[in-house]
């Protein structure tokens, strides 16, 4: 299957540069994957589409201020996106102008910190700082890692709006964006219907946001991302499955977590890593419904939703969304796949 089959043209003005004025005020495209029918609504009405016998699974990972700017020995500014913490002073990082960032090169960072590149690891650089670089340091000196298609600098508003309201466990370098639409009112509406909302954690990293660069989909290799499911969450999910309830995953990261944790007929609790790549032909074991955003062309995310709803139905839905001027990508509108 060719990666080019998952490309589509998107007018630049439909790429959302800012969140909706009010959280939860986004539009909602509803796709019935059985009939192929499409309908248009608003995110505030999402609870009306959720049946009573549903368990909703959300990703409670919190976005770090993982973007740092360092000055090289030659005086140039270099952008570092810290993707994985190895220990107190060592991180894996994506770097700007990567062809110039070689092993042994040194940098000066805010907070009287210096750093050196230890190794070049493909798209990544292993970098060691002269001091502890933890979430406290990043909260003081880092920047919210807005994706490159948002053509502006991050602001303090992004620290609030590029997080879900239930974000709890720091570790992501990009937001689990489907969850950005949820408000306290939406959660209360779901709970008032008797719908349970259960958290899992997947720390969003390169596995989620690195584009598919291979000619054939099957040749793409996902980077590993860490996930964790508590014993309580696993018990609730497994009970719901046994009772025949609908499992509704909020976002592709929740989908990947659940499908990765399915072993021997149940969802396993615990902390693990996954490089699962879901593409058309995959048989879903856990997830029955999905709330998601509109994804970038040629990405593992649009491939995943195509596996879930059917490639042609996703193409049709995206064409409809473009025609009706939906907002796309991280700060864009939502799609509910029934």
C-alpha atoms as a PDB file:
ATOM      1  CA  UNK A   1       0.000   0.000   0.000  1.00  0.00           C
ATOM      2  CA  UNK A   2       1.511   3.330  -1.113  1.00  0.00           C
ATOM      3  CA  UNK A   3       1.959   6.197   1.334  1.00  0.00           C
ATOM      4  CA  UNK A   4       0.818   8.551  -1.432  1.00  0.00           C
ATOM      5  CA  UNK A   5      -2.686   7.065  -1.088  1.00  0.00           C
ATOM      6  CA  UNK A   6      -2.994   8.989   2.189  1.00  0.00           C
ATOM      7  CA  UNK A   7      -2.148  12.399   0.747  1.00  0.00           C
ATOM      8  CA  UNK A   8      -4.702  15.173   0.314  1.00  0.00           C
ATOM      9  CA  UNK A   9      -4.545  18.854  -0.637  1.00  0.00           C
ATOM     10  CA  UNK A  10      -5.487  21.220   2.152  1.00  0.00           C
ATOM     11  CA  UNK A  11      -5.910  24.982   1.749  1.00  0.00           C
ATOM     12  CA  UNK A  12      -3.404  26.636   4.041  1.00  0.00           C
ATOM     13  CA  UNK A  13      -6.038  28.839   5.647  1.00  0.00           C
ATOM     14  CA  UNK A  14      -7.777  25.753   7.089  1.00  0.00           C
ATOM     15  CA  UNK A  15      -4.779  24.916   9.284  1.00  0.00           C
ATOM     16  CA  UNK A  16      -5.840  26.222  12.698  1.00  0.00           C
ATOM     17  CA  UNK A  17      -3.260  28.654  14.062  1.00  0.00           C
ATOM     18  CA  UNK A  18      -5.049  29.231  17.359  1.00  0.00           C
ATOM     19  CA  UNK A  19      -7.488  27.299  19.528  1.00  0.00           C
ATOM     20  CA  UNK A  20     -11.182  28.080  19.392  1.00  0.00           C
ATOM     21  CA  UNK A  21     -12.118  31.181  21.364  1.00  0.00           C
ATOM     22  CA  UNK A  22     -13.648  28.974  24.040  1.00  0.00           C
ATOM     23  CA  UNK A  23     -12.642  25.384  24.814  1.00  0.00           C
ATOM     24  CA  UNK A  24     -15.292  22.971  23.552  1.00  0.00           C
ATOM     25  CA  UNK A  25     -16.644  25.378  20.941  1.00  0.00           C
ATOM     26  CA  UNK A  26     -15.239  23.463  17.974  1.00  0.00           C
ATOM     27  CA  UNK A  27     -17.260  21.799  15.252  1.00  0.00           C
ATOM     28  CA  UNK A  28     -17.833  18.042  15.174  1.00  0.00           C
ATOM     29  CA  UNK A  29     -18.062  15.866  12.065  1.00  0.00           C
ATOM     30  CA  UNK A  30     -19.795  12.556  12.794  1.00  0.00           C
ATOM     31  CA  UNK A  31     -18.982   9.535  10.605  1.00  0.00           C
ATOM     32  CA  UNK A  32     -20.941   6.310  10.894  1.00  0.00           C
ATOM     33  CA  UNK A  33     -18.380   3.779   9.697  1.00  0.00           C
ATOM     34  CA  UNK A  34     -21.046   1.116   9.124  1.00  0.00           C
ATOM     35  CA  UNK A  35     -23.274   3.166   6.810  1.00  0.00           C
ATOM     36  CA  UNK A  36     -20.737   5.777   5.687  1.00  0.00           C
ATOM     37  CA  UNK A  37     -23.170   8.575   6.560  1.00  0.00           C
ATOM     38  CA  UNK A  38     -21.844  11.981   7.613  1.00  0.00           C
ATOM     39  CA  UNK A  39     -23.514  14.582   9.824  1.00  0.00           C
ATOM     40  CA  UNK A  40     -22.423  17.910  11.241  1.00  0.00           C
ATOM     41  CA  UNK A  41     -22.651  19.073  14.815  1.00  0.00           C
ATOM     42  CA  UNK A  42     -20.750  20.875  17.568  1.00  0.00           C
ATOM     43  CA  UNK A  43     -18.392  19.446  20.157  1.00  0.00           C
ATOM     44  CA  UNK A  44     -20.632  20.649  23.000  1.00  0.00           C
ATOM     45  CA  UNK A  45     -23.243  18.182  21.711  1.00  0.00           C
ATOM     46  CA  UNK A  46     -20.821  15.248  21.698  1.00  0.00           C
ATOM     47  CA  UNK A  47     -22.437  13.607  24.785  1.00  0.00           C
ATOM     48  CA  UNK A  48     -25.700  13.292  22.815  1.00  0.00           C
ATOM     49  CA  UNK A  49     -23.946  10.903  20.408  1.00  0.00           C
ATOM     50  CA  UNK A  50     -22.508   8.689  23.144  1.00  0.00           C
ATOM     51  CA  UNK A  51     -24.668   5.745  24.146  1.00  0.00           C
ATOM     52  CA  UNK A  52     -25.257   4.940  27.808  1.00  0.00           C
ATOM     53  CA  UNK A  53     -23.434   1.590  27.656  1.00  0.00           C
ATOM     54  CA  UNK A  54     -20.111   3.216  26.728  1.00  0.00           C
ATOM     55  CA  UNK A  55     -16.747   3.449  28.436  1.00  0.00           C
ATOM     56  CA  UNK A  56     -14.672   6.455  27.345  1.00  0.00           C
ATOM     57  CA  UNK A  57     -10.868   6.127  27.512  1.00  0.00           C
ATOM     58  CA  UNK A  58      -8.744   9.301  27.613  1.00  0.00           C
ATOM     59  CA  UNK A  59      -4.986   9.925  27.564  1.00  0.00           C
ATOM     60  CA  UNK A  60      -4.008  11.939  30.646  1.00  0.00           C
ATOM     61  CA  UNK A  61      -0.412  12.652  29.585  1.00  0.00           C
ATOM     62  CA  UNK A  62       0.700  16.245  30.149  1.00  0.00           C
ATOM     63  CA  UNK A  63       2.704  18.227  27.610  1.00  0.00           C
ATOM     64  CA  UNK A  64       6.119  19.366  28.767  1.00  0.00           C
ATOM     65  CA  UNK A  65       7.614  22.723  27.849  1.00  0.00           C
ATOM     66  CA  UNK A  66      10.008  20.579  25.862  1.00  0.00           C
ATOM     67  CA  UNK A  67      11.314  23.158  23.365  1.00  0.00           C
ATOM     68  CA  UNK A  68      14.592  24.800  24.379  1.00  0.00           C
ATOM     69  CA  UNK A  69      16.817  27.278  22.551  1.00  0.00           C
ATOM     70  CA  UNK A  70      20.577  26.967  22.910  1.00  0.00           C
ATOM     71  CA  UNK A  71      23.435  29.084  21.567  1.00  0.00           C
ATOM     72  CA  UNK A  72      26.173  27.185  19.780  1.00  0.00           C
ATOM     73  CA  UNK A  73      29.881  27.922  20.171  1.00  0.00           C
ATOM     74  CA  UNK A  74      29.724  29.863  16.899  1.00  0.00           C
ATOM     75  CA  UNK A  75      26.893  32.045  18.182  1.00  0.00           C
ATOM     76  CA  UNK A  76      23.978  30.598  16.237  1.00  0.00           C
ATOM     77  CA  UNK A  77      20.676  29.786  17.947  1.00  0.00           C
ATOM     78  CA  UNK A  78      19.637  26.128  17.754  1.00  0.00           C
ATOM     79  CA  UNK A  79      16.222  24.731  18.644  1.00  0.00           C
ATOM     80  CA  UNK A  80      16.041  21.523  20.671  1.00  0.00           C
ATOM     81  CA  UNK A  81      12.854  19.511  21.094  1.00  0.00           C
ATOM     82  CA  UNK A  82      13.474  17.140  24.002  1.00  0.00           C
ATOM     83  CA  UNK A  83      11.689  13.891  23.213  1.00  0.00           C
ATOM     84  CA  UNK A  84      12.904  11.400  25.819  1.00  0.00           C
ATOM     85  CA  UNK A  85      14.622  11.739  29.179  1.00  0.00           C
ATOM     86  CA  UNK A  86      17.432   9.214  29.696  1.00  0.00           C
ATOM     87  CA  UNK A  87      18.540  10.416  33.133  1.00  0.00           C
ATOM     88  CA  UNK A  88      18.743  13.684  35.098  1.00  0.00           C
ATOM     89  CA  UNK A  89      21.127  15.324  32.637  1.00  0.00           C
ATOM     90  CA  UNK A  90      20.746  13.333  29.405  1.00  0.00           C
ATOM     91  CA  UNK A  91      17.977  13.604  26.804  1.00  0.00           C
ATOM     92  CA  UNK A  92      17.202  12.500  23.278  1.00  0.00           C
ATOM     93  CA  UNK A  93      16.304  15.518  21.177  1.00  0.00           C
ATOM     94  CA  UNK A  94      15.245  16.640  17.739  1.00  0.00           C
ATOM     95  CA  UNK A  95      17.406  19.583  16.673  1.00  0.00           C
ATOM     96  CA  UNK A  96      17.057  22.307  14.075  1.00  0.00           C
ATOM     97  CA  UNK A  97      19.670  22.497  11.301  1.00  0.00           C
ATOM     98  CA  UNK A  98      20.465  18.901  12.219  1.00  0.00           C
ATOM     99  CA  UNK A  99      23.142  18.411   9.553  1.00  0.00           C
ATOM    100  CA  UNK A 100      25.262  20.973  11.419  1.00  0.00           C
ATOM    101  CA  UNK A 101      24.701  19.518  14.900  1.00  0.00           C
ATOM    102  CA  UNK A 102      27.427  16.907  15.298  1.00  0.00           C
ATOM    103  CA  UNK A 103      28.840  14.792  18.093  1.00  0.00           C
ATOM    104  CA  UNK A 104      30.980  16.910  20.403  1.00  0.00           C
ATOM    105  CA  UNK A 105      29.313  20.217  19.566  1.00  0.00           C
ATOM    106  CA  UNK A 106      28.605  22.392  22.620  1.00  0.00           C
ATOM    107  CA  UNK A 107      25.827  24.835  23.514  1.00  0.00           C
ATOM    108  CA  UNK A 108      24.829  27.360  26.177  1.00  0.00           C
ATOM    109  CA  UNK A 109      21.259  27.206  27.513  1.00  0.00           C
ATOM    110  CA  UNK A 110      19.250  29.420  29.881  1.00  0.00           C
ATOM    111  CA  UNK A 111      19.748  29.003  33.616  1.00  0.00           C
ATOM    112  CA  UNK A 112      23.537  28.817  33.391  1.00  0.00           C
ATOM    113  CA  UNK A 113      23.415  25.407  31.713  1.00  0.00           C
ATOM    114  CA  UNK A 114      25.814  24.036  29.129  1.00  0.00           C
ATOM    115  CA  UNK A 115      25.384  20.946  26.985  1.00  0.00           C
ATOM    116  CA  UNK A 116      27.210  18.714  24.533  1.00  0.00           C
ATOM    117  CA  UNK A 117      26.026  16.287  21.875  1.00  0.00           C
ATOM    118  CA  UNK A 118      27.108  12.779  22.895  1.00  0.00           C
ATOM    119  CA  UNK A 119      25.810  10.833  19.897  1.00  0.00           C
ATOM    120  CA  UNK A 120      23.994  11.247  16.596  1.00  0.00           C
ATOM    121  CA  UNK A 121      21.126   8.759  16.407  1.00  0.00           C
ATOM    122  CA  UNK A 122      19.374   9.171  13.069  1.00  0.00           C
ATOM    123  CA  UNK A 123      16.897  12.043  13.362  1.00  0.00           C
ATOM    124  CA  UNK A 124      17.836  12.465  17.016  1.00  0.00           C
ATOM    125  CA  UNK A 125      20.777  13.742  19.051  1.00  0.00           C
ATOM    126  CA  UNK A 126      21.710  12.431  22.491  1.00  0.00           C
ATOM    127  CA  UNK A 127      22.578  15.514  24.510  1.00  0.00           C
ATOM    128  CA  UNK A 128      24.054  15.856  28.006  1.00  0.00           C
ATOM    129  CA  UNK A 129      23.486  18.966  30.115  1.00  0.00           C
ATOM    130  CA  UNK A 130      25.786  20.309  32.837  1.00  0.00           C
ATOM    131  CA  UNK A 131      22.887  20.385  35.312  1.00  0.00           C
ATOM    132  CA  UNK A 132      19.662  18.545  36.005  1.00  0.00           C
ATOM    133  CA  UNK A 133      17.055  19.264  33.325  1.00  0.00           C
ATOM    134  CA  UNK A 134      13.712  18.202  34.733  1.00  0.00           C
ATOM    135  CA  UNK A 135      10.136  19.464  34.537  1.00  0.00           C
ATOM    136  CA  UNK A 136      10.930  22.242  37.018  1.00  0.00           C
ATOM    137  CA  UNK A 137      13.727  23.504  34.759  1.00  0.00           C
ATOM    138  CA  UNK A 138      11.571  23.181  31.646  1.00  0.00           C
ATOM    139  CA  UNK A 139       8.653  25.007  33.274  1.00  0.00           C
ATOM    140  CA  UNK A 140      11.008  27.941  33.864  1.00  0.00           C
ATOM    141  CA  UNK A 141      13.018  28.020  30.645  1.00  0.00           C
ATOM    142  CA  UNK A 142      11.218  25.867  28.077  1.00  0.00           C
ATOM    143  CA  UNK A 143       8.541  26.610  25.516  1.00  0.00           C
ATOM    144  CA  UNK A 144       5.335  24.778  24.638  1.00  0.00           C
ATOM    145  CA  UNK A 145       6.255  22.609  21.611  1.00  0.00           C
ATOM    146  CA  UNK A 146       3.648  23.827  19.145  1.00  0.00           C
ATOM    147  CA  UNK A 147       3.854  21.856  15.876  1.00  0.00           C
ATOM    148  CA  UNK A 148       5.660  23.432  12.906  1.00  0.00           C
ATOM    149  CA  UNK A 149       2.463  24.096  10.941  1.00  0.00           C
ATOM    150  CA  UNK A 150       1.449  26.635  13.606  1.00  0.00           C
ATOM    151  CA  UNK A 151       3.331  29.658  12.336  1.00  0.00           C
ATOM    152  CA  UNK A 152       3.692  31.699  15.492  1.00  0.00           C
ATOM    153  CA  UNK A 153       5.532  31.676  18.800  1.00  0.00           C
ATOM    154  CA  UNK A 154       3.972  29.985  21.798  1.00  0.00           C
ATOM    155  CA  UNK A 155       2.294  32.105  24.466  1.00  0.00           C
ATOM    156  CA  UNK A 156       1.169  31.563  28.050  1.00  0.00           C
ATOM    157  CA  UNK A 157      -2.316  30.889  26.662  1.00  0.00           C
ATOM    158  CA  UNK A 158      -0.897  27.798  24.934  1.00  0.00           C
ATOM    159  CA  UNK A 159       0.281  26.454  28.310  1.00  0.00           C
ATOM    160  CA  UNK A 160      -3.423  26.176  29.151  1.00  0.00           C
ATOM    161  CA  UNK A 161      -5.028  25.407  25.789  1.00  0.00           C
ATOM    162  CA  UNK A 162      -2.399  22.952  24.506  1.00  0.00           C
ATOM    163  CA  UNK A 163      -3.186  20.766  27.523  1.00  0.00           C
ATOM    164  CA  UNK A 164      -6.255  18.659  28.198  1.00  0.00           C
ATOM    165  CA  UNK A 165      -8.190  19.617  31.337  1.00  0.00           C
ATOM    166  CA  UNK A 166      -7.424  16.150  32.751  1.00  0.00           C
ATOM    167  CA  UNK A 167      -3.665  16.225  31.970  1.00  0.00           C
ATOM    168  CA  UNK A 168      -1.858  14.743  34.940  1.00  0.00           C
ATOM    169  CA  UNK A 169       1.361  12.898  34.045  1.00  0.00           C
ATOM    170  CA  UNK A 170       4.113  15.038  32.438  1.00  0.00           C
ATOM    171  CA  UNK A 171       5.959  13.435  29.542  1.00  0.00           C
ATOM    172  CA  UNK A 172       4.535  14.400  26.138  1.00  0.00           C
ATOM    173  CA  UNK A 173       6.239  16.512  23.492  1.00  0.00           C
ATOM    174  CA  UNK A 174       2.952  17.037  21.660  1.00  0.00           C
ATOM    175  CA  UNK A 175      -0.615  17.172  22.889  1.00  0.00           C
ATOM    176  CA  UNK A 176      -3.069  14.275  22.579  1.00  0.00           C
ATOM    177  CA  UNK A 177      -5.174  16.736  20.629  1.00  0.00           C
ATOM    178  CA  UNK A 178      -8.589  15.037  20.542  1.00  0.00           C
ATOM    179  CA  UNK A 179      -8.741  15.563  24.295  1.00  0.00           C
ATOM    180  CA  UNK A 180      -8.257  19.331  23.951  1.00  0.00           C
ATOM    181  CA  UNK A 181     -11.973  19.650  23.148  1.00  0.00           C
ATOM    182  CA  UNK A 182     -13.198  18.373  26.500  1.00  0.00           C
ATOM    183  CA  UNK A 183     -14.626  20.757  29.079  1.00  0.00           C
ATOM    184  CA  UNK A 184     -15.866  20.082  32.594  1.00  0.00           C
ATOM    185  CA  UNK A 185     -19.406  20.486  31.250  1.00  0.00           C
ATOM    186  CA  UNK A 186     -18.878  17.821  28.579  1.00  0.00           C
ATOM    187  CA  UNK A 187     -17.374  15.413  31.117  1.00  0.00           C
ATOM    188  CA  UNK A 188     -20.247  16.020  33.544  1.00  0.00           C
ATOM    189  CA  UNK A 189     -22.784  15.432  30.773  1.00  0.00           C
ATOM    190  CA  UNK A 190     -21.179  12.080  29.996  1.00  0.00           C
ATOM    191  CA  UNK A 191     -21.046  11.065  33.637  1.00  0.00           C
ATOM    192  CA  UNK A 192     -24.669  12.113  34.204  1.00  0.00           C
ATOM    193  CA  UNK A 193     -25.607   9.589  31.496  1.00  0.00           C
ATOM    194  CA  UNK A 194     -23.789   6.886  33.428  1.00  0.00           C
ATOM    195  CA  UNK A 195     -20.838   6.896  31.032  1.00  0.00           C
ATOM    196  CA  UNK A 196     -17.517   6.109  32.736  1.00  0.00           C
ATOM    197  CA  UNK A 197     -14.406   8.072  31.763  1.00  0.00           C
ATOM    198  CA  UNK A 198     -11.189   6.105  32.379  1.00  0.00           C
ATOM    199  CA  UNK A 199      -7.600   7.422  32.047  1.00  0.00           C
ATOM    200  CA  UNK A 200      -4.587   5.762  30.479  1.00  0.00           C
ATOM    201  CA  UNK A 201      -1.224   7.395  29.760  1.00  0.00           C
ATOM    202  CA  UNK A 202       0.780   7.452  26.546  1.00  0.00           C
ATOM    203  CA  UNK A 203       3.559  10.037  26.356  1.00  0.00           C
ATOM    204  CA  UNK A 204       3.373  11.479  22.867  1.00  0.00           C
ATOM    205  CA  UNK A 205       6.728  11.522  21.100  1.00  0.00           C
ATOM    206  CA  UNK A 206       8.292  10.790  17.748  1.00  0.00           C
ATOM    207  CA  UNK A 207       6.186   7.694  17.177  1.00  0.00           C
ATOM    208  CA  UNK A 208       3.108   9.882  16.874  1.00  0.00           C
ATOM    209  CA  UNK A 209       4.313  12.969  15.043  1.00  0.00           C
ATOM    210  CA  UNK A 210       7.148  11.878  12.738  1.00  0.00           C
ATOM    211  CA  UNK A 211       5.742  11.617   9.169  1.00  0.00           C
ATOM    212  CA  UNK A 212       5.725   8.417   7.148  1.00  0.00           C
ATOM    213  CA  UNK A 213       8.679   8.758   4.757  1.00  0.00           C
ATOM    214  CA  UNK A 214       8.689   5.319   3.157  1.00  0.00           C
ATOM    215  CA  UNK A 215       7.160   4.736  -0.268  1.00  0.00           C
ATOM    216  CA  UNK A 216       5.191   1.758   1.033  1.00  0.00           C
ATOM    217  CA  UNK A 217       3.162   2.043   4.230  1.00  0.00           C
ATOM    218  CA  UNK A 218       4.238  -1.401   5.410  1.00  0.00           C
ATOM    219  CA  UNK A 219       7.916  -0.324   5.494  1.00  0.00           C
ATOM    220  CA  UNK A 220       7.380   2.461   8.037  1.00  0.00           C
ATOM    221  CA  UNK A 221       8.899   1.852  11.479  1.00  0.00           C
ATOM    222  CA  UNK A 222       7.335   3.647  14.438  1.00  0.00           C
ATOM    223  CA  UNK A 223       9.516   5.046  17.225  1.00  0.00           C
ATOM    224  CA  UNK A 224       8.742   3.622  20.647  1.00  0.00           C
ATOM    225  CA  UNK A 225       6.575   5.582  23.062  1.00  0.00           C
ATOM    226  CA  UNK A 226       5.985   4.815  26.740  1.00  0.00           C
ATOM    227  CA  UNK A 227       2.509   4.045  28.033  1.00  0.00           C
ATOM    228  CA  UNK A 228       0.991   3.054  31.348  1.00  0.00           C
ATOM    229  CA  UNK A 229      -2.356   1.617  32.410  1.00  0.00           C
ATOM    230  CA  UNK A 230      -3.181   1.477  36.113  1.00  0.00           C
ATOM    231  CA  UNK A 231      -4.665  -1.652  37.661  1.00  0.00           C
ATOM    232  CA  UNK A 232      -7.908   0.224  38.301  1.00  0.00           C
ATOM    233  CA  UNK A 233      -8.197   1.439  34.689  1.00  0.00           C
ATOM    234  CA  UNK A 234      -7.385  -2.019  33.312  1.00  0.00           C
ATOM    235  CA  UNK A 235     -10.041  -3.565  35.552  1.00  0.00           C
ATOM    236  CA  UNK A 236     -12.690  -1.071  34.437  1.00  0.00           C
ATOM    237  CA  UNK A 237     -11.826  -1.543  30.767  1.00  0.00           C
ATOM    238  CA  UNK A 238     -11.833  -5.343  30.993  1.00  0.00           C
ATOM    239  CA  UNK A 239     -15.125  -5.358  32.898  1.00  0.00           C
ATOM    240  CA  UNK A 240     -16.661  -3.136  30.226  1.00  0.00           C
ATOM    241  CA  UNK A 241     -15.443  -5.472  27.478  1.00  0.00           C
ATOM    242  CA  UNK A 242     -16.884  -8.512  29.276  1.00  0.00           C
ATOM    243  CA  UNK A 243     -20.200  -6.698  29.700  1.00  0.00           C
ATOM    244  CA  UNK A 244     -20.347  -5.908  25.982  1.00  0.00           C
ATOM    245  CA  UNK A 245     -20.019  -2.163  26.436  1.00  0.00           C
ATOM    246  CA  UNK A 246     -18.763   0.133  23.704  1.00  0.00           C
ATOM    247  CA  UNK A 247     -15.132   1.217  24.125  1.00  0.00           C
ATOM    248  CA  UNK A 248     -14.734   4.803  22.887  1.00  0.00           C
ATOM    249  CA  UNK A 249     -11.116   5.953  22.627  1.00  0.00           C
ATOM    250  CA  UNK A 250     -10.381   9.672  22.730  1.00  0.00           C
ATOM    251  CA  UNK A 251      -7.543  10.195  20.282  1.00  0.00           C
ATOM    252  CA  UNK A 252      -5.199   7.951  18.344  1.00  0.00           C
ATOM    253  CA  UNK A 253      -2.850   7.719  21.343  1.00  0.00           C
ATOM    254  CA  UNK A 254      -5.593   6.122  23.451  1.00  0.00           C
ATOM    255  CA  UNK A 255      -6.302   3.747  20.566  1.00  0.00           C
ATOM    256  CA  UNK A 256      -2.646   2.715  20.324  1.00  0.00           C
ATOM    257  CA  UNK A 257      -2.401   2.276  24.087  1.00  0.00           C
ATOM    258  CA  UNK A 258      -5.423  -0.012  24.275  1.00  0.00           C
ATOM    259  CA  UNK A 259      -4.498  -2.067  21.231  1.00  0.00           C
ATOM    260  CA  UNK A 260      -0.889  -2.427  22.464  1.00  0.00           C
ATOM    261  CA  UNK A 261      -1.998  -3.580  25.915  1.00  0.00           C
ATOM    262  CA  UNK A 262      -4.343  -6.307  24.609  1.00  0.00           C
ATOM    263  CA  UNK A 263      -2.748  -9.661  25.396  1.00  0.00           C
ATOM    264  CA  UNK A 264      -4.351 -13.073  25.876  1.00  0.00           C
ATOM    265  CA  UNK A 265      -7.883 -11.744  25.763  1.00  0.00           C
ATOM    266  CA  UNK A 266      -7.575  -8.778  28.098  1.00  0.00           C
ATOM    267  CA  UNK A 267      -6.009  -5.347  28.545  1.00  0.00           C
ATOM    268  CA  UNK A 268      -2.925  -5.663  30.732  1.00  0.00           C
ATOM    269  CA  UNK A 269      -2.086  -3.170  33.462  1.00  0.00           C
ATOM    270  CA  UNK A 270       1.450  -1.887  33.767  1.00  0.00           C
ATOM    271  CA  UNK A 271       4.085   0.374  32.232  1.00  0.00           C
ATOM    272  CA  UNK A 272       5.477  -0.590  28.842  1.00  0.00           C
ATOM    273  CA  UNK A 273       6.567   0.885  25.523  1.00  0.00           C
ATOM    274  CA  UNK A 274       4.960   0.448  22.125  1.00  0.00           C
ATOM    275  CA  UNK A 275       5.910   0.886  18.489  1.00  0.00           C
ATOM    276  CA  UNK A 276       2.584  -0.403  17.180  1.00  0.00           C
ATOM    277  CA  UNK A 277       1.759   0.876  13.689  1.00  0.00           C
ATOM    278  CA  UNK A 278      -1.894   0.488  12.771  1.00  0.00           C
ATOM    279  CA  UNK A 279      -2.688   0.582   9.059  1.00  0.00           C
ATOM    280  CA  UNK A 280      -5.510  -0.768   6.848  1.00  0.00           C
ATOM    281  CA  UNK A 281      -5.930  -4.491   7.322  1.00  0.00           C
ATOM    282  CA  UNK A 282      -5.391  -4.282  11.077  1.00  0.00           C
ATOM    283  CA  UNK A 283      -8.034  -6.053  13.205  1.00  0.00           C
ATOM    284  CA  UNK A 284      -9.046  -3.902  16.191  1.00  0.00           C
ATOM    285  CA  UNK A 285      -9.321  -5.917  19.403  1.00  0.00           C
ATOM    286  CA  UNK A 286     -10.516  -3.301  21.907  1.00  0.00           C
ATOM    287  CA  UNK A 287     -11.706  -0.035  20.368  1.00  0.00           C
ATOM    288  CA  UNK A 288     -15.231   0.328  18.938  1.00  0.00           C
ATOM    289  CA  UNK A 289     -15.499   4.104  18.509  1.00  0.00           C
ATOM    290  CA  UNK A 290     -13.055   6.985  18.273  1.00  0.00           C
ATOM    291  CA  UNK A 291     -13.023  10.736  18.785  1.00  0.00           C
ATOM    292  CA  UNK A 292     -10.161  12.278  16.850  1.00  0.00           C
ATOM    293  CA  UNK A 293      -8.937  15.432  15.125  1.00  0.00           C
ATOM    294  CA  UNK A 294      -8.261  15.937  11.415  1.00  0.00           C
ATOM    295  CA  UNK A 295      -4.729  14.758  10.707  1.00  0.00           C
ATOM    296  CA  UNK A 296      -1.869  15.746   8.436  1.00  0.00           C
ATOM    297  CA  UNK A 297      -1.402  14.077   5.024  1.00  0.00           C
ATOM    298  CA  UNK A 298       0.940  11.073   4.839  1.00  0.00           C
ATOM    299  CA  UNK A 299       0.989  10.688   8.630  1.00  0.00           C
ATOM    300  CA  UNK A 300       0.675   7.535  10.720  1.00  0.00           C
ATOM    301  CA  UNK A 301      -2.407   9.172  12.276  1.00  0.00           C
ATOM    302  CA  UNK A 302      -4.446   9.439   9.079  1.00  0.00           C
ATOM    303  CA  UNK A 303      -3.328   5.900   8.271  1.00  0.00           C
ATOM    304  CA  UNK A 304      -4.672   4.738  11.668  1.00  0.00           C
ATOM    305  CA  UNK A 305      -8.101   6.377  11.259  1.00  0.00           C
ATOM    306  CA  UNK A 306      -8.241   4.936   7.733  1.00  0.00           C
ATOM    307  CA  UNK A 307      -7.666   1.497   9.202  1.00  0.00           C
ATOM    308  CA  UNK A 308     -10.501   2.118  11.651  1.00  0.00           C
ATOM    309  CA  UNK A 309     -13.121   3.659   9.360  1.00  0.00           C
ATOM    310  CA  UNK A 310     -11.982   2.595   5.881  1.00  0.00           C
ATOM    311  CA  UNK A 311      -9.664   4.502   3.567  1.00  0.00           C
ATOM    312  CA  UNK A 312     -12.345   5.620   1.144  1.00  0.00           C
ATOM    313  CA  UNK A 313     -14.700   6.752   3.896  1.00  0.00           C
ATOM    314  CA  UNK A 314     -11.966   8.847   5.481  1.00  0.00           C
ATOM    315  CA  UNK A 315     -11.182  10.374   2.084  1.00  0.00           C
ATOM    316  CA  UNK A 316     -14.843  11.268   1.643  1.00  0.00           C
ATOM    317  CA  UNK A 317     -15.111  12.665   5.179  1.00  0.00           C
ATOM    318  CA  UNK A 318     -11.980  14.803   4.761  1.00  0.00           C
ATOM    319  CA  UNK A 319     -13.215  16.134   1.411  1.00  0.00           C
ATOM    320  CA  UNK A 320     -16.504  17.080   3.075  1.00  0.00           C
ATOM    321  CA  UNK A 321     -14.646  18.760   5.939  1.00  0.00           C
ATOM    322  CA  UNK A 322     -12.541  20.791   3.500  1.00  0.00           C
ATOM    323  CA  UNK A 323     -15.606  21.820   1.490  1.00  0.00           C
ATOM    324  CA  UNK A 324     -17.366  22.956   4.669  1.00  0.00           C
ATOM    325  CA  UNK A 325     -14.290  24.797   5.923  1.00  0.00           C
ATOM    326  CA  UNK A 326     -13.551  22.769   9.017  1.00  0.00           C
ATOM    327  CA  UNK A 327     -10.382  23.714  10.901  1.00  0.00           C
ATOM    328  CA  UNK A 328      -7.593  21.126  10.681  1.00  0.00           C
ATOM    329  CA  UNK A 329      -4.832  19.661  12.841  1.00  0.00           C
ATOM    330  CA  UNK A 330      -3.918  20.248  16.511  1.00  0.00           C
ATOM    331  CA  UNK A 331      -6.081  23.284  17.279  1.00  0.00           C
ATOM    332  CA  UNK A 332      -8.722  22.302  14.735  1.00  0.00           C
ATOM    333  CA  UNK A 333     -12.142  20.690  14.832  1.00  0.00           C
ATOM    334  CA  UNK A 334     -13.095  17.171  15.867  1.00  0.00           C
ATOM    335  CA  UNK A 335     -14.384  14.009  14.228  1.00  0.00           C
ATOM    336  CA  UNK A 336     -16.397  11.279  15.904  1.00  0.00           C
ATOM    337  CA  UNK A 337     -16.163   7.886  14.206  1.00  0.00           C
ATOM    338  CA  UNK A 338     -19.031   5.664  15.353  1.00  0.00           C
END
